Amino acid sequence: MGSGMAFGLTIVSLTVLGVDVVRPSTPGPTMAAGPAFYLLVFGTLGGLVLAGVVAWGLLPPIVSTYRRGGISIVTAFATVLPMLLCMVANQLAGRAGLAGLAVLALALAVGLGTLARRVGAAGAGA
């Protein structure tokens, strides 16, 4: 679950960074339906979906499709909580903070994913 959540956070952090780059500097009526809006909506949903996909991919040791799917869905929804870190990173360090958060989250996702694969392979061999 941790690896999926961290990967979802990576996607959402990069999405928020992209929105910050694309968003017009002056607010106006075009801001509501502009490319920044669609990037935010689809990037956030994509981050949630990819968090579930990563969790699903790391859970082959769980034979039950029902349990595996349930854990993957919970992982996708649980990604909403770490997404709040994007707000903090943006307020503290701006674009550099969002990029740093994305790099840290990706490193955490890769590290936890590697650990999960290693433990899963050791459990399958026993």
C-alpha atoms as a PDB file:
ATOM      1  CA  MET A   1       0.000   0.000   0.000  1.00  0.00           C
ATOM      2  CA  GLY A   2       2.789   2.415   0.876  1.00  0.00           C
ATOM      3  CA  SER A   3       4.444   2.072  -2.509  1.00  0.00           C
ATOM      4  CA  GLY A   4       1.171   2.701  -4.329  1.00  0.00           C
ATOM      5  CA  MET A   5       0.377   5.725  -2.190  1.00  0.00           C
ATOM      6  CA  ALA A   6       3.869   7.158  -2.709  1.00  0.00           C
ATOM      7  CA  PHE A   7       3.621   6.661  -6.475  1.00  0.00           C
ATOM      8  CA  GLY A   8       0.214   8.340  -6.503  1.00  0.00           C
ATOM      9  CA  LEU A   9       1.711  11.232  -4.529  1.00  0.00           C
ATOM     10  CA  THR A  10       4.459  11.500  -7.145  1.00  0.00           C
ATOM     11  CA  ILE A  11       1.909  11.820  -9.946  1.00  0.00           C
ATOM     12  CA  VAL A  12      -0.197  14.341  -8.027  1.00  0.00           C
ATOM     13  CA  SER A  13       2.877  16.418  -7.082  1.00  0.00           C
ATOM     14  CA  LEU A  14       3.936  16.589 -10.721  1.00  0.00           C
ATOM     15  CA  THR A  15       0.346  17.464 -11.655  1.00  0.00           C
ATOM     16  CA  VAL A  16       0.248  20.363  -9.199  1.00  0.00           C
ATOM     17  CA  LEU A  17       3.644  21.498 -10.461  1.00  0.00           C
ATOM     18  CA  GLY A  18       2.320  21.384 -14.022  1.00  0.00           C
ATOM     19  CA  VAL A  19      -0.778  23.340 -13.039  1.00  0.00           C
ATOM     20  CA  ASP A  20       1.426  25.977 -11.423  1.00  0.00           C
ATOM     21  CA  VAL A  21       3.437  26.290 -14.637  1.00  0.00           C
ATOM     22  CA  VAL A  22       0.408  26.344 -16.995  1.00  0.00           C
ATOM     23  CA  ARG A  23      -1.905  28.536 -14.903  1.00  0.00           C
ATOM     24  CA  PRO A  24      -2.189  32.148 -15.984  1.00  0.00           C
ATOM     25  CA  SER A  25      -0.626  34.650 -13.604  1.00  0.00           C
ATOM     26  CA  THR A  26      -3.712  36.866 -13.510  1.00  0.00           C
ATOM     27  CA  PRO A  27      -7.033  35.327 -12.502  1.00  0.00           C
ATOM     28  CA  GLY A  28      -9.842  35.698 -14.979  1.00  0.00           C
ATOM     29  CA  PRO A  29     -12.859  33.989 -16.507  1.00  0.00           C
ATOM     30  CA  THR A  30     -10.727  31.760 -18.763  1.00  0.00           C
ATOM     31  CA  MET A  31      -9.043  30.188 -15.752  1.00  0.00           C
ATOM     32  CA  ALA A  32     -12.065  28.027 -14.889  1.00  0.00           C
ATOM     33  CA  ALA A  33     -12.107  26.020 -18.125  1.00  0.00           C
ATOM     34  CA  GLY A  34      -8.504  26.415 -19.205  1.00  0.00           C
ATOM     35  CA  PRO A  35      -5.828  23.738 -19.583  1.00  0.00           C
ATOM     36  CA  ALA A  36      -4.812  24.087 -15.928  1.00  0.00           C
ATOM     37  CA  PHE A  37      -8.269  22.932 -14.827  1.00  0.00           C
ATOM     38  CA  TYR A  38      -8.212  19.830 -17.022  1.00  0.00           C
ATOM     39  CA  LEU A  39      -4.637  19.024 -16.035  1.00  0.00           C
ATOM     40  CA  LEU A  40      -5.593  19.239 -12.370  1.00  0.00           C
ATOM     41  CA  VAL A  41      -8.694  17.062 -12.712  1.00  0.00           C
ATOM     42  CA  PHE A  42      -7.227  14.364 -14.941  1.00  0.00           C
ATOM     43  CA  GLY A  43      -3.814  14.395 -13.256  1.00  0.00           C
ATOM     44  CA  THR A  44      -5.353  13.935  -9.820  1.00  0.00           C
ATOM     45  CA  LEU A  45      -7.646  11.144 -10.991  1.00  0.00           C
ATOM     46  CA  GLY A  46      -4.720   9.568 -12.837  1.00  0.00           C
ATOM     47  CA  GLY A  47      -2.623   9.657  -9.667  1.00  0.00           C
ATOM     48  CA  LEU A  48      -5.362   7.889  -7.727  1.00  0.00           C
ATOM     49  CA  VAL A  49      -5.842   5.254 -10.424  1.00  0.00           C
ATOM     50  CA  LEU A  50      -2.097   4.647 -10.772  1.00  0.00           C
ATOM     51  CA  ALA A  51      -1.767   4.272  -6.992  1.00  0.00           C
ATOM     52  CA  GLY A  52      -4.296   1.431  -7.174  1.00  0.00           C
ATOM     53  CA  VAL A  53      -2.578  -0.089 -10.214  1.00  0.00           C
ATOM     54  CA  VAL A  54       0.810  -0.108  -8.458  1.00  0.00           C
ATOM     55  CA  ALA A  55      -0.738  -1.719  -5.391  1.00  0.00           C
ATOM     56  CA  TRP A  56      -2.428  -4.342  -7.595  1.00  0.00           C
ATOM     57  CA  GLY A  57       0.880  -5.073  -9.303  1.00  0.00           C
ATOM     58  CA  LEU A  58       2.662  -5.612  -5.996  1.00  0.00           C
ATOM     59  CA  LEU A  59       0.014  -7.925  -4.556  1.00  0.00           C
ATOM     60  CA  PRO A  60       0.266 -11.177  -6.580  1.00  0.00           C
ATOM     61  CA  PRO A  61       0.962 -13.164  -3.393  1.00  0.00           C
ATOM     62  CA  ILE A  62      -2.653 -12.447  -2.409  1.00  0.00           C
ATOM     63  CA  VAL A  63      -4.552 -15.104  -4.339  1.00  0.00           C
ATOM     64  CA  SER A  64      -8.046 -13.747  -3.690  1.00  0.00           C
ATOM     65  CA  THR A  65      -9.014 -11.243  -6.404  1.00  0.00           C
ATOM     66  CA  TYR A  66     -11.589  -9.754  -4.031  1.00  0.00           C
ATOM     67  CA  ARG A  67      -9.005  -8.990  -1.321  1.00  0.00           C
ATOM     68  CA  ARG A  68      -6.380  -7.857  -3.803  1.00  0.00           C
ATOM     69  CA  GLY A  69      -8.869  -5.523  -5.475  1.00  0.00           C
ATOM     70  CA  GLY A  70     -10.116  -4.214  -2.138  1.00  0.00           C
ATOM     71  CA  ILE A  71      -6.615  -3.373  -0.961  1.00  0.00           C
ATOM     72  CA  SER A  72      -5.876  -1.686  -4.296  1.00  0.00           C
ATOM     73  CA  ILE A  73      -9.014   0.461  -4.053  1.00  0.00           C
ATOM     74  CA  VAL A  74      -8.255   1.402  -0.452  1.00  0.00           C
ATOM     75  CA  THR A  75      -4.740   2.367  -1.541  1.00  0.00           C
ATOM     76  CA  ALA A  76      -6.157   4.637  -4.248  1.00  0.00           C
ATOM     77  CA  PHE A  77      -8.492   6.388  -1.804  1.00  0.00           C
ATOM     78  CA  ALA A  78      -5.829   6.570   0.913  1.00  0.00           C
ATOM     79  CA  THR A  79      -3.607   8.518  -1.490  1.00  0.00           C
ATOM     80  CA  VAL A  80      -5.838  11.537  -0.847  1.00  0.00           C
ATOM     81  CA  LEU A  81      -4.271  12.065   2.596  1.00  0.00           C
ATOM     82  CA  PRO A  82      -0.625  12.375   1.466  1.00  0.00           C
ATOM     83  CA  MET A  83      -1.820  14.669  -1.337  1.00  0.00           C
ATOM     84  CA  LEU A  84      -2.171  17.340   1.337  1.00  0.00           C
ATOM     85  CA  LEU A  85       1.633  17.458   1.443  1.00  0.00           C
ATOM     86  CA  CYS A  86       1.512  19.156  -1.968  1.00  0.00           C
ATOM     87  CA  MET A  87      -0.141  22.157  -0.347  1.00  0.00           C
ATOM     88  CA  VAL A  88       2.527  22.353   2.353  1.00  0.00           C
ATOM     89  CA  ALA A  89       5.407  21.903  -0.112  1.00  0.00           C
ATOM     90  CA  ASN A  90       3.986  24.568  -2.411  1.00  0.00           C
ATOM     91  CA  GLN A  91       3.525  27.058   0.430  1.00  0.00           C
ATOM     92  CA  LEU A  92       7.001  26.461   1.894  1.00  0.00           C
ATOM     93  CA  ALA A  93       9.156  26.212  -1.228  1.00  0.00           C
ATOM     94  CA  GLY A  94       6.972  26.756  -4.299  1.00  0.00           C
ATOM     95  CA  ARG A  95       7.843  24.861  -7.463  1.00  0.00           C
ATOM     96  CA  ALA A  96      11.106  23.565  -6.022  1.00  0.00           C
ATOM     97  CA  GLY A  97       9.208  22.130  -3.061  1.00  0.00           C
ATOM     98  CA  LEU A  98       6.747  20.343  -5.345  1.00  0.00           C
ATOM     99  CA  ALA A  99       9.578  18.925  -7.449  1.00  0.00           C
ATOM    100  CA  GLY A 100      11.422  17.819  -4.313  1.00  0.00           C
ATOM    101  CA  LEU A 101       8.290  16.177  -2.944  1.00  0.00           C
ATOM    102  CA  ALA A 102       7.814  14.322  -6.239  1.00  0.00           C
ATOM    103  CA  VAL A 103      11.405  13.042  -6.168  1.00  0.00           C
ATOM    104  CA  LEU A 104      11.139  11.955  -2.529  1.00  0.00           C
ATOM    105  CA  ALA A 105       7.807  10.240  -3.113  1.00  0.00           C
ATOM    106  CA  LEU A 106       9.172   8.423  -6.170  1.00  0.00           C
ATOM    107  CA  ALA A 107      12.218   7.248  -4.223  1.00  0.00           C
ATOM    108  CA  LEU A 108       9.934   6.012  -1.443  1.00  0.00           C
ATOM    109  CA  ALA A 109       7.682   4.233  -3.960  1.00  0.00           C
ATOM    110  CA  VAL A 110      10.630   2.489  -5.606  1.00  0.00           C
ATOM    111  CA  GLY A 111      12.161   1.549  -2.251  1.00  0.00           C
ATOM    112  CA  LEU A 112       8.934   0.149  -0.825  1.00  0.00           C
ATOM    113  CA  GLY A 113       8.131  -1.598  -4.103  1.00  0.00           C
ATOM    114  CA  THR A 114      11.537  -3.272  -4.142  1.00  0.00           C
ATOM    115  CA  LEU A 115      11.088  -4.364  -0.550  1.00  0.00           C
ATOM    116  CA  ALA A 116       7.616  -5.729  -1.291  1.00  0.00           C
ATOM    117  CA  ARG A 117       8.899  -7.703  -4.288  1.00  0.00           C
ATOM    118  CA  ARG A 118      11.778  -9.102  -2.241  1.00  0.00           C
ATOM    119  CA  VAL A 119       9.488 -10.166   0.613  1.00  0.00           C
ATOM    120  CA  GLY A 120       6.948 -11.575  -1.846  1.00  0.00           C
ATOM    121  CA  ALA A 121       9.628 -13.601  -3.623  1.00  0.00           C
ATOM    122  CA  ALA A 122      10.983 -14.926  -0.320  1.00  0.00           C
ATOM    123  CA  GLY A 123       7.471 -15.891   0.787  1.00  0.00           C
ATOM    124  CA  ALA A 124       6.752 -17.664  -2.520  1.00  0.00           C
ATOM    125  CA  GLY A 125       9.937 -19.699  -2.222  1.00  0.00           C
ATOM    126  CA  ALA A 126       9.106 -20.923   1.273  1.00  0.00           C
END
